[in-house]
């Protein structure tokens, strides 16, 4: 069964499930992206991981792209993709 590696963090009292995805995620339609986010949310919940799911991916040029609530944009803009990978601590079944 395939797995997805995620970083499960608690920042400012909020649980986050940060999912590093392939760069092609950024080329999918918004609807497809939302379906993938929803699926990660369901599967992470089944694995006992609570929190807001935030997909991140390499946007080229050393930039990390993400989909997160607006109030989390400053936090995610301050992160590098390497920092996310350094915090990967869990796997969820896919």
PDB file of N, CA and C in Angstrom:
ATOM      1  N   UNK A   1       0.844  -1.176   0.000  1.00  0.00           N
ATOM      2  CA  UNK A   1       0.000   0.000   0.000  1.00  0.00           C
ATOM      3  C   UNK A   1       0.892   1.243   0.000  1.00  0.00           C
ATOM      4  N   UNK A   2       0.660   2.173  -0.917  1.00  0.00           N
ATOM      5  CA  UNK A   2       1.470   3.396  -0.960  1.00  0.00           C
ATOM      6  C   UNK A   2       1.281   4.240   0.305  1.00  0.00           C
ATOM      7  N   UNK A   3       2.309   5.009   0.619  1.00  0.00           N
ATOM      8  CA  UNK A   3       2.251   5.896   1.775  1.00  0.00           C
ATOM      9  C   UNK A   3       2.648   7.310   1.361  1.00  0.00           C
ATOM     10  N   UNK A   4       2.242   8.257   2.176  1.00  0.00           N
ATOM     11  CA  UNK A   4       2.596   9.658   1.978  1.00  0.00           C
ATOM     12  C   UNK A   4       3.281  10.126   3.251  1.00  0.00           C
ATOM     13  N   UNK A   5       4.470  10.668   3.113  1.00  0.00           N
ATOM     14  CA  UNK A   5       5.195  11.196   4.261  1.00  0.00           C
ATOM     15  C   UNK A   5       4.688  12.600   4.561  1.00  0.00           C
ATOM     16  N   UNK A   6       4.473  12.879   5.851  1.00  0.00           N
ATOM     17  CA  UNK A   6       3.974  14.184   6.263  1.00  0.00           C
ATOM     18  C   UNK A   6       4.731  14.666   7.499  1.00  0.00           C
ATOM     19  N   UNK A   7       4.694  15.964   7.689  1.00  0.00           N
ATOM     20  CA  UNK A   7       5.204  16.581   8.911  1.00  0.00           C
ATOM     21  C   UNK A   7       3.994  16.955   9.753  1.00  0.00           C
ATOM     22  N   UNK A   8       3.929  16.447  10.974  1.00  0.00           N
ATOM     23  CA  UNK A   8       2.828  16.775  11.877  1.00  0.00           C
ATOM     24  C   UNK A   8       3.387  17.718  12.935  1.00  0.00           C
ATOM     25  N   UNK A   9       3.004  18.980  12.833  1.00  0.00           N
ATOM     26  CA  UNK A   9       3.558  20.021  13.707  1.00  0.00           C
ATOM     27  C   UNK A   9       2.464  20.699  14.512  1.00  0.00           C
ATOM     28  N   UNK A  10       2.874  21.258  15.625  1.00  0.00           N
ATOM     29  CA  UNK A  10       1.983  22.115  16.417  1.00  0.00           C
ATOM     30  C   UNK A  10       2.643  23.479  16.467  1.00  0.00           C
ATOM     31  N   UNK A  11       2.013  24.458  15.841  1.00  0.00           N
ATOM     32  CA  UNK A  11       2.531  25.827  15.804  1.00  0.00           C
ATOM     33  C   UNK A  11       1.457  26.766  16.349  1.00  0.00           C
ATOM     34  N   UNK A  12       1.845  27.625  17.261  1.00  0.00           N
ATOM     35  CA  UNK A  12       0.930  28.616  17.829  1.00  0.00           C
ATOM     36  C   UNK A  12      -0.350  27.949  18.353  1.00  0.00           C
ATOM     37  N   UNK A  13      -0.200  26.748  18.916  1.00  0.00           N
ATOM     38  CA  UNK A  13      -1.330  26.026  19.489  1.00  0.00           C
ATOM     39  C   UNK A  13      -2.221  25.335  18.472  1.00  0.00           C
ATOM     40  N   UNK A  14      -1.812  25.296  17.221  1.00  0.00           N
ATOM     41  CA  UNK A  14      -2.609  24.698  16.144  1.00  0.00           C
ATOM     42  C   UNK A  14      -1.843  23.523  15.554  1.00  0.00           C
ATOM     43  N   UNK A  15      -2.552  22.407  15.348  1.00  0.00           N
ATOM     44  CA  UNK A  15      -1.956  21.249  14.688  1.00  0.00           C
ATOM     45  C   UNK A  15      -1.995  21.432  13.180  1.00  0.00           C
ATOM     46  N   UNK A  16      -0.881  21.101  12.541  1.00  0.00           N
ATOM     47  CA  UNK A  16      -0.763  21.178  11.086  1.00  0.00           C
ATOM     48  C   UNK A  16      -0.255  19.844  10.558  1.00  0.00           C
ATOM     49  N   UNK A  17      -0.847  19.398   9.468  1.00  0.00           N
ATOM     50  CA  UNK A  17      -0.364  18.230   8.745  1.00  0.00           C
ATOM     51  C   UNK A  17       0.174  18.767   7.423  1.00  0.00           C
ATOM     52  N   UNK A  18       1.489  18.849   7.331  1.00  0.00           N
ATOM     53  CA  UNK A  18       2.125  19.435   6.149  1.00  0.00           C
ATOM     54  C   UNK A  18       2.551  18.288   5.241  1.00  0.00           C
ATOM     55  N   UNK A  19       2.029  18.309   4.019  1.00  0.00           N
ATOM     56  CA  UNK A  19       2.243  17.213   3.082  1.00  0.00           C
ATOM     57  C   UNK A  19       3.078  17.678   1.891  1.00  0.00           C
ATOM     58  N   UNK A  20       4.365  17.320   1.859  1.00  0.00           N
ATOM     59  CA  UNK A  20       5.167  17.641   0.679  1.00  0.00           C
ATOM     60  C   UNK A  20       4.726  16.768  -0.498  1.00  0.00           C
ATOM     61  N   UNK A  21       4.359  17.410  -1.584  1.00  0.00           N
ATOM     62  CA  UNK A  21       3.863  16.703  -2.768  1.00  0.00           C
ATOM     63  C   UNK A  21       4.768  16.964  -3.960  1.00  0.00           C
ATOM     64  N   UNK A  22       4.597  16.177  -5.000  1.00  0.00           N
ATOM     65  CA  UNK A  22       5.351  16.379  -6.240  1.00  0.00           C
ATOM     66  C   UNK A  22       5.011  17.730  -6.841  1.00  0.00           C
ATOM     67  N   UNK A  23       5.947  18.288  -7.575  1.00  0.00           N
ATOM     68  CA  UNK A  23       5.735  19.620  -8.162  1.00  0.00           C
ATOM     69  C   UNK A  23       4.565  19.664  -9.133  1.00  0.00           C
ATOM     70  N   UNK A  24       4.174  18.525  -9.700  1.00  0.00           N
ATOM     71  CA  UNK A  24       3.035  18.528 -10.627  1.00  0.00           C
ATOM     72  C   UNK A  24       1.719  18.869  -9.931  1.00  0.00           C
ATOM     73  N   UNK A  25       1.700  18.812  -8.586  1.00  0.00           N
ATOM     74  CA  UNK A  25       0.497  19.218  -7.846  1.00  0.00           C
ATOM     75  C   UNK A  25       0.112  20.657  -8.193  1.00  0.00           C
ATOM     76  N   UNK A  26       1.103  21.503  -8.400  1.00  0.00           N
ATOM     77  CA  UNK A  26       0.849  22.907  -8.717  1.00  0.00           C
ATOM     78  C   UNK A  26       0.227  23.123 -10.081  1.00  0.00           C
ATOM     79  N   UNK A  27       0.257  22.108 -10.945  1.00  0.00           N
ATOM     80  CA  UNK A  27      -0.311  22.225 -12.286  1.00  0.00           C
ATOM     81  C   UNK A  27      -1.705  21.618 -12.386  1.00  0.00           C
ATOM     82  N   UNK A  28      -2.189  21.060 -11.302  1.00  0.00           N
ATOM     83  CA  UNK A  28      -3.533  20.468 -11.295  1.00  0.00           C
ATOM     84  C   UNK A  28      -4.576  21.568 -11.170  1.00  0.00           C
ATOM     85  N   UNK A  29      -5.810  21.247 -11.537  1.00  0.00           N
ATOM     86  CA  UNK A  29      -6.900  22.210 -11.383  1.00  0.00           C
ATOM     87  C   UNK A  29      -7.165  22.421  -9.894  1.00  0.00           C
ATOM     88  N   UNK A  30      -7.761  23.535  -9.572  1.00  0.00           N
ATOM     89  CA  UNK A  30      -8.081  23.827  -8.170  1.00  0.00           C
ATOM     90  C   UNK A  30      -8.987  22.736  -7.598  1.00  0.00           C
ATOM     91  N   UNK A  31      -9.923  22.247  -8.393  1.00  0.00           N
ATOM     92  CA  UNK A  31     -10.825  21.185  -7.947  1.00  0.00           C
ATOM     93  C   UNK A  31     -10.037  19.911  -7.634  1.00  0.00           C
ATOM     94  N   UNK A  32      -9.117  19.532  -8.514  1.00  0.00           N
ATOM     95  CA  UNK A  32      -8.293  18.352  -8.270  1.00  0.00           C
ATOM     96  C   UNK A  32      -7.445  18.536  -7.010  1.00  0.00           C
ATOM     97  N   UNK A  33      -6.888  19.730  -6.833  1.00  0.00           N
ATOM     98  CA  UNK A  33      -6.100  20.007  -5.632  1.00  0.00           C
ATOM     99  C   UNK A  33      -6.951  19.860  -4.371  1.00  0.00           C
ATOM    100  N   UNK A  34      -8.155  20.406  -4.402  1.00  0.00           N
ATOM    101  CA  UNK A  34      -9.050  20.323  -3.244  1.00  0.00           C
ATOM    102  C   UNK A  34      -9.426  18.875  -2.935  1.00  0.00           C
ATOM    103  N   UNK A  35      -9.616  18.064  -3.971  1.00  0.00           N
ATOM    104  CA  UNK A  35      -9.931  16.646  -3.758  1.00  0.00           C
ATOM    105  C   UNK A  35      -8.759  15.925  -3.102  1.00  0.00           C
ATOM    106  N   UNK A  36      -7.545  16.244  -3.528  1.00  0.00           N
ATOM    107  CA  UNK A  36      -6.360  15.625  -2.941  1.00  0.00           C
ATOM    108  C   UNK A  36      -6.201  16.064  -1.485  1.00  0.00           C
ATOM    109  N   UNK A  37      -6.399  17.344  -1.216  1.00  0.00           N
ATOM    110  CA  UNK A  37      -6.318  17.857   0.154  1.00  0.00           C
ATOM    111  C   UNK A  37      -7.341  17.158   1.036  1.00  0.00           C
ATOM    112  N   UNK A  38      -8.553  17.006   0.531  1.00  0.00           N
ATOM    113  CA  UNK A  38      -9.604  16.325   1.284  1.00  0.00           C
ATOM    114  C   UNK A  38      -9.226  14.877   1.578  1.00  0.00           C
ATOM    115  N   UNK A  39      -8.666  14.193   0.598  1.00  0.00           N
ATOM    116  CA  UNK A  39      -8.246  12.803   0.784  1.00  0.00           C
ATOM    117  C   UNK A  39      -7.126  12.710   1.822  1.00  0.00           C
ATOM    118  N   UNK A  40      -6.176  13.632   1.783  1.00  0.00           N
ATOM    119  CA  UNK A  40      -5.102  13.634   2.782  1.00  0.00           C
ATOM    120  C   UNK A  40      -5.689  13.874   4.172  1.00  0.00           C
ATOM    121  N   UNK A  41      -6.668  14.763   4.261  1.00  0.00           N
ATOM    122  CA  UNK A  41      -7.321  15.053   5.545  1.00  0.00           C
ATOM    123  C   UNK A  41      -7.976  13.790   6.111  1.00  0.00           C
ATOM    124  N   UNK A  42      -8.717  13.075   5.280  1.00  0.00           N
ATOM    125  CA  UNK A  42      -9.395  11.858   5.727  1.00  0.00           C
ATOM    126  C   UNK A  42      -8.380  10.813   6.165  1.00  0.00           C
ATOM    127  N   UNK A  43      -7.362  10.601   5.346  1.00  0.00           N
ATOM    128  CA  UNK A  43      -6.373   9.554   5.649  1.00  0.00           C
ATOM    129  C   UNK A  43      -5.497   9.924   6.846  1.00  0.00           C
ATOM    130  N   UNK A  44      -5.186  11.202   7.006  1.00  0.00           N
ATOM    131  CA  UNK A  44      -4.397  11.596   8.169  1.00  0.00           C
ATOM    132  C   UNK A  44      -5.229  11.450   9.443  1.00  0.00           C
ATOM    133  N   UNK A  45      -6.520  11.757   9.359  1.00  0.00           N
ATOM    134  CA  UNK A  45      -7.399  11.547  10.506  1.00  0.00           C
ATOM    135  C   UNK A  45      -7.481  10.081  10.892  1.00  0.00           C
ATOM    136  N   UNK A  46      -7.552   9.210   9.890  1.00  0.00           N
ATOM    137  CA  UNK A  46      -7.581   7.763  10.147  1.00  0.00           C
ATOM    138  C   UNK A  46      -6.284   7.287  10.788  1.00  0.00           C
ATOM    139  N   UNK A  47      -5.196   7.997  10.531  1.00  0.00           N
ATOM    140  CA  UNK A  47      -3.894   7.645  11.117  1.00  0.00           C
ATOM    141  C   UNK A  47      -3.693   8.309  12.483  1.00  0.00           C
ATOM    142  N   UNK A  48      -4.720   9.012  12.963  1.00  0.00           N
ATOM    143  CA  UNK A  48      -4.631   9.645  14.271  1.00  0.00           C
ATOM    144  C   UNK A  48      -3.974  11.008  14.275  1.00  0.00           C
ATOM    145  N   UNK A  49      -3.845  11.620  13.090  1.00  0.00           N
ATOM    146  CA  UNK A  49      -3.225  12.940  12.991  1.00  0.00           C
ATOM    147  C   UNK A  49      -4.306  13.997  12.809  1.00  0.00           C
ATOM    148  N   UNK A  50      -4.432  14.866  13.787  1.00  0.00           N
ATOM    149  CA  UNK A  50      -5.392  15.957  13.691  1.00  0.00           C
ATOM    150  C   UNK A  50      -4.694  17.175  13.117  1.00  0.00           C
ATOM    151  N   UNK A  51      -5.471  18.058  12.521  1.00  0.00           N
ATOM    152  CA  UNK A  51      -4.907  19.332  12.102  1.00  0.00           C
ATOM    153  C   UNK A  51      -5.287  19.747  10.709  1.00  0.00           C
ATOM    154  N   UNK A  52      -4.939  20.968  10.404  1.00  0.00           N
ATOM    155  CA  UNK A  52      -5.160  21.540   9.084  1.00  0.00           C
ATOM    156  C   UNK A  52      -4.155  20.946   8.121  1.00  0.00           C
ATOM    157  N   UNK A  53      -4.640  20.428   6.997  1.00  0.00           N
ATOM    158  CA  UNK A  53      -3.756  19.862   5.985  1.00  0.00           C
ATOM    159  C   UNK A  53      -3.258  20.989   5.088  1.00  0.00           C
ATOM    160  N   UNK A  54      -1.941  21.063   4.946  1.00  0.00           N
ATOM    161  CA  UNK A  54      -1.321  22.067   4.091  1.00  0.00           C
ATOM    162  C   UNK A  54      -0.388  21.355   3.110  1.00  0.00           C
ATOM    163  N   UNK A  55      -0.791  21.286   1.834  1.00  0.00           N
ATOM    164  CA  UNK A  55       0.120  20.720   0.846  1.00  0.00           C
ATOM    165  C   UNK A  55       1.198  21.737   0.490  1.00  0.00           C
ATOM    166  N   UNK A  56       2.416  21.253   0.314  1.00  0.00           N
ATOM    167  CA  UNK A  56       3.529  22.101  -0.126  1.00  0.00           C
ATOM    168  C   UNK A  56       4.227  21.381  -1.269  1.00  0.00           C
ATOM    169  N   UNK A  57       4.846  22.152  -2.159  1.00  0.00           N
ATOM    170  CA  UNK A  57       5.555  21.555  -3.288  1.00  0.00           C
ATOM    171  C   UNK A  57       6.590  22.522  -3.818  1.00  0.00           C
ATOM    172  N   UNK A  58       7.531  21.967  -4.559  1.00  0.00           N
ATOM    173  CA  UNK A  58       8.586  22.763  -5.176  1.00  0.00           C
ATOM    174  C   UNK A  58       7.980  23.520  -6.350  1.00  0.00           C
ATOM    175  N   UNK A  59       8.056  24.826  -6.274  1.00  0.00           N
ATOM    176  CA  UNK A  59       7.472  25.673  -7.305  1.00  0.00           C
ATOM    177  C   UNK A  59       8.538  26.153  -8.296  1.00  0.00           C
ATOM    178  N   UNK A  60       9.725  25.584  -8.204  1.00  0.00           N
ATOM    179  CA  UNK A  60      10.817  25.970  -9.088  1.00  0.00           C
ATOM    180  C   UNK A  60      11.567  27.176  -8.551  1.00  0.00           C
ATOM    181  N   UNK A  61      12.780  27.326  -8.987  1.00  0.00           N
ATOM    182  CA  UNK A  61      13.581  28.472  -8.580  1.00  0.00           C
ATOM    183  C   UNK A  61      13.842  28.544  -7.090  1.00  0.00           C
ATOM    184  N   UNK A  62      13.793  27.392  -6.422  1.00  0.00           N
ATOM    185  CA  UNK A  62      14.039  27.374  -4.985  1.00  0.00           C
ATOM    186  C   UNK A  62      12.866  27.854  -4.145  1.00  0.00           C
ATOM    187  N   UNK A  63      11.714  28.036  -4.776  1.00  0.00           N
ATOM    188  CA  UNK A  63      10.537  28.526  -4.064  1.00  0.00           C
ATOM    189  C   UNK A  63       9.602  27.376  -3.681  1.00  0.00           C
ATOM    190  N   UNK A  64       9.070  27.436  -2.487  1.00  0.00           N
ATOM    191  CA  UNK A  64       8.080  26.473  -2.040  1.00  0.00           C
ATOM    192  C   UNK A  64       6.702  27.093  -2.212  1.00  0.00           C
ATOM    193  N   UNK A  65       5.807  26.370  -2.866  1.00  0.00           N
ATOM    194  CA  UNK A  65       4.415  26.793  -2.981  1.00  0.00           C
ATOM    195  C   UNK A  65       3.604  26.021  -1.940  1.00  0.00           C
ATOM    196  N   UNK A  66       2.457  26.555  -1.582  1.00  0.00           N
ATOM    197  CA  UNK A  66       1.622  25.922  -0.563  1.00  0.00           C
ATOM    198  C   UNK A  66       0.183  26.390  -0.727  1.00  0.00           C
ATOM    199  N   UNK A  67      -0.725  25.631  -0.152  1.00  0.00           N
ATOM    200  CA  UNK A  67      -2.122  26.046  -0.030  1.00  0.00           C
ATOM    201  C   UNK A  67      -2.439  25.983   1.458  1.00  0.00           C
ATOM    202  N   UNK A  68      -2.665  27.144   2.041  1.00  0.00           N
ATOM    203  CA  UNK A  68      -2.907  27.234   3.480  1.00  0.00           C
ATOM    204  C   UNK A  68      -3.894  28.376   3.736  1.00  0.00           C
ATOM    205  N   UNK A  69      -4.562  28.342   4.888  1.00  0.00           N
ATOM    206  CA  UNK A  69      -5.411  29.481   5.258  1.00  0.00           C
ATOM    207  C   UNK A  69      -4.581  30.768   5.258  1.00  0.00           C
ATOM    208  N   UNK A  70      -5.209  31.873   4.891  1.00  0.00           N
ATOM    209  CA  UNK A  70      -4.508  33.158   4.760  1.00  0.00           C
ATOM    210  C   UNK A  70      -3.703  33.532   5.997  1.00  0.00           C
ATOM    211  N   UNK A  71      -4.229  33.253   7.180  1.00  0.00           N
ATOM    212  CA  UNK A  71      -3.513  33.646   8.393  1.00  0.00           C
ATOM    213  C   UNK A  71      -2.211  32.851   8.583  1.00  0.00           C
ATOM    214  N   UNK A  72      -2.008  31.775   7.833  1.00  0.00           N
ATOM    215  CA  UNK A  72      -0.792  30.979   7.925  1.00  0.00           C
ATOM    216  C   UNK A  72       0.216  31.321   6.839  1.00  0.00           C
ATOM    217  N   UNK A  73      -0.131  32.208   5.906  1.00  0.00           N
ATOM    218  CA  UNK A  73       0.782  32.537   4.807  1.00  0.00           C
ATOM    219  C   UNK A  73       2.133  33.065   5.287  1.00  0.00           C
ATOM    220  N   UNK A  74       2.191  33.977   6.259  1.00  0.00           N
ATOM    221  CA  UNK A  74       3.518  34.443   6.701  1.00  0.00           C
ATOM    222  C   UNK A  74       4.391  33.297   7.225  1.00  0.00           C
ATOM    223  N   UNK A  75       3.801  32.378   7.965  1.00  0.00           N
ATOM    224  CA  UNK A  75       4.561  31.235   8.486  1.00  0.00           C
ATOM    225  C   UNK A  75       5.115  30.396   7.342  1.00  0.00           C
ATOM    226  N   UNK A  76       4.281  30.056   6.371  1.00  0.00           N
ATOM    227  CA  UNK A  76       4.732  29.190   5.282  1.00  0.00           C
ATOM    228  C   UNK A  76       5.675  29.913   4.328  1.00  0.00           C
ATOM    229  N   UNK A  77       5.540  31.212   4.182  1.00  0.00           N
ATOM    230  CA  UNK A  77       6.497  31.959   3.352  1.00  0.00           C
ATOM    231  C   UNK A  77       7.888  31.951   3.979  1.00  0.00           C
ATOM    232  N   UNK A  78       7.932  31.787   5.298  1.00  0.00           N
ATOM    233  CA  UNK A  78       9.228  31.798   5.987  1.00  0.00           C
ATOM    234  C   UNK A  78       9.912  30.431   5.961  1.00  0.00           C
ATOM    235  N   UNK A  79       9.220  29.397   5.499  1.00  0.00           N
ATOM    236  CA  UNK A  79       9.778  28.043   5.472  1.00  0.00           C
ATOM    237  C   UNK A  79      10.402  27.711   4.126  1.00  0.00           C
ATOM    238  N   UNK A  80      11.427  26.903   4.184  1.00  0.00           N
ATOM    239  CA  UNK A  80      11.993  26.315   2.970  1.00  0.00           C
ATOM    240  C   UNK A  80      11.501  24.874   2.896  1.00  0.00           C
ATOM    241  N   UNK A  81      11.414  24.361   1.697  1.00  0.00           N
ATOM    242  CA  UNK A  81      10.986  22.982   1.522  1.00  0.00           C
ATOM    243  C   UNK A  81      11.906  22.023   2.273  1.00  0.00           C
ATOM    244  N   UNK A  82      13.177  22.337   2.338  1.00  0.00           N
ATOM    245  CA  UNK A  82      14.116  21.483   3.082  1.00  0.00           C
ATOM    246  C   UNK A  82      13.761  21.424   4.567  1.00  0.00           C
ATOM    247  N   UNK A  83      13.247  22.524   5.115  1.00  0.00           N
ATOM    248  CA  UNK A  83      12.840  22.542   6.524  1.00  0.00           C
ATOM    249  C   UNK A  83      11.617  21.654   6.734  1.00  0.00           C
ATOM    250  N   UNK A  84      10.714  21.651   5.761  1.00  0.00           N
ATOM    251  CA  UNK A  84       9.552  20.772   5.864  1.00  0.00           C
ATOM    252  C   UNK A  84      10.017  19.323   5.867  1.00  0.00           C
ATOM    253  N   UNK A  85      10.881  18.971   4.894  1.00  0.00           N
ATOM    254  CA  UNK A  85      11.371  17.584   4.829  1.00  0.00           C
ATOM    255  C   UNK A  85      12.107  17.198   6.100  1.00  0.00           C
ATOM    256  N   UNK A  86      12.803  18.130   6.716  1.00  0.00           N
ATOM    257  CA  UNK A  86      13.524  17.836   7.956  1.00  0.00           C
ATOM    258  C   UNK A  86      12.566  17.511   9.102  1.00  0.00           C
ATOM    259  N   UNK A  87      11.316  17.961   8.990  1.00  0.00           N
ATOM    260  CA  UNK A  87      10.325  17.718  10.035  1.00  0.00           C
ATOM    261  C   UNK A  87       9.354  16.599   9.706  1.00  0.00           C
ATOM    262  N   UNK A  88       9.557  15.923   8.584  1.00  0.00           N
ATOM    263  CA  UNK A  88       8.697  14.785   8.250  1.00  0.00           C
ATOM    264  C   UNK A  88       8.878  13.732   9.328  1.00  0.00           C
ATOM    265  N   UNK A  89       7.764  13.341   9.933  1.00  0.00           N
ATOM    266  CA  UNK A  89       7.855  12.430  11.061  1.00  0.00           C
ATOM    267  C   UNK A  89       6.855  11.279  10.981  1.00  0.00           C
ATOM    268  N   UNK A  90       5.955  11.329  10.040  1.00  0.00           N
ATOM    269  CA  UNK A  90       4.899  10.311   9.974  1.00  0.00           C
ATOM    270  C   UNK A  90       4.642   9.919   8.537  1.00  0.00           C
ATOM    271  N   UNK A  91       4.022   8.764   8.373  1.00  0.00           N
ATOM    272  CA  UNK A  91       3.557   8.304   7.083  1.00  0.00           C
ATOM    273  C   UNK A  91       2.084   7.957   7.210  1.00  0.00           C
ATOM    274  N   UNK A  92       1.331   8.291   6.186  1.00  0.00           N
ATOM    275  CA  UNK A  92      -0.073   7.890   6.155  1.00  0.00           C
ATOM    276  C   UNK A  92      -0.277   6.972   4.961  1.00  0.00           C
ATOM    277  N   UNK A  93      -1.141   5.994   5.128  1.00  0.00           N
ATOM    278  CA  UNK A  93      -1.435   5.063   4.040  1.00  0.00           C
ATOM    279  C   UNK A  93      -2.267   5.746   2.988  1.00  0.00           C
ATOM    280  N   UNK A  94      -1.950   5.435   1.755  1.00  0.00           N
ATOM    281  CA  UNK A  94      -2.635   6.083   0.640  1.00  0.00           C
ATOM    282  C   UNK A  94      -3.445   5.097  -0.122  1.00  0.00           C
TER     283      UNK A  94
END
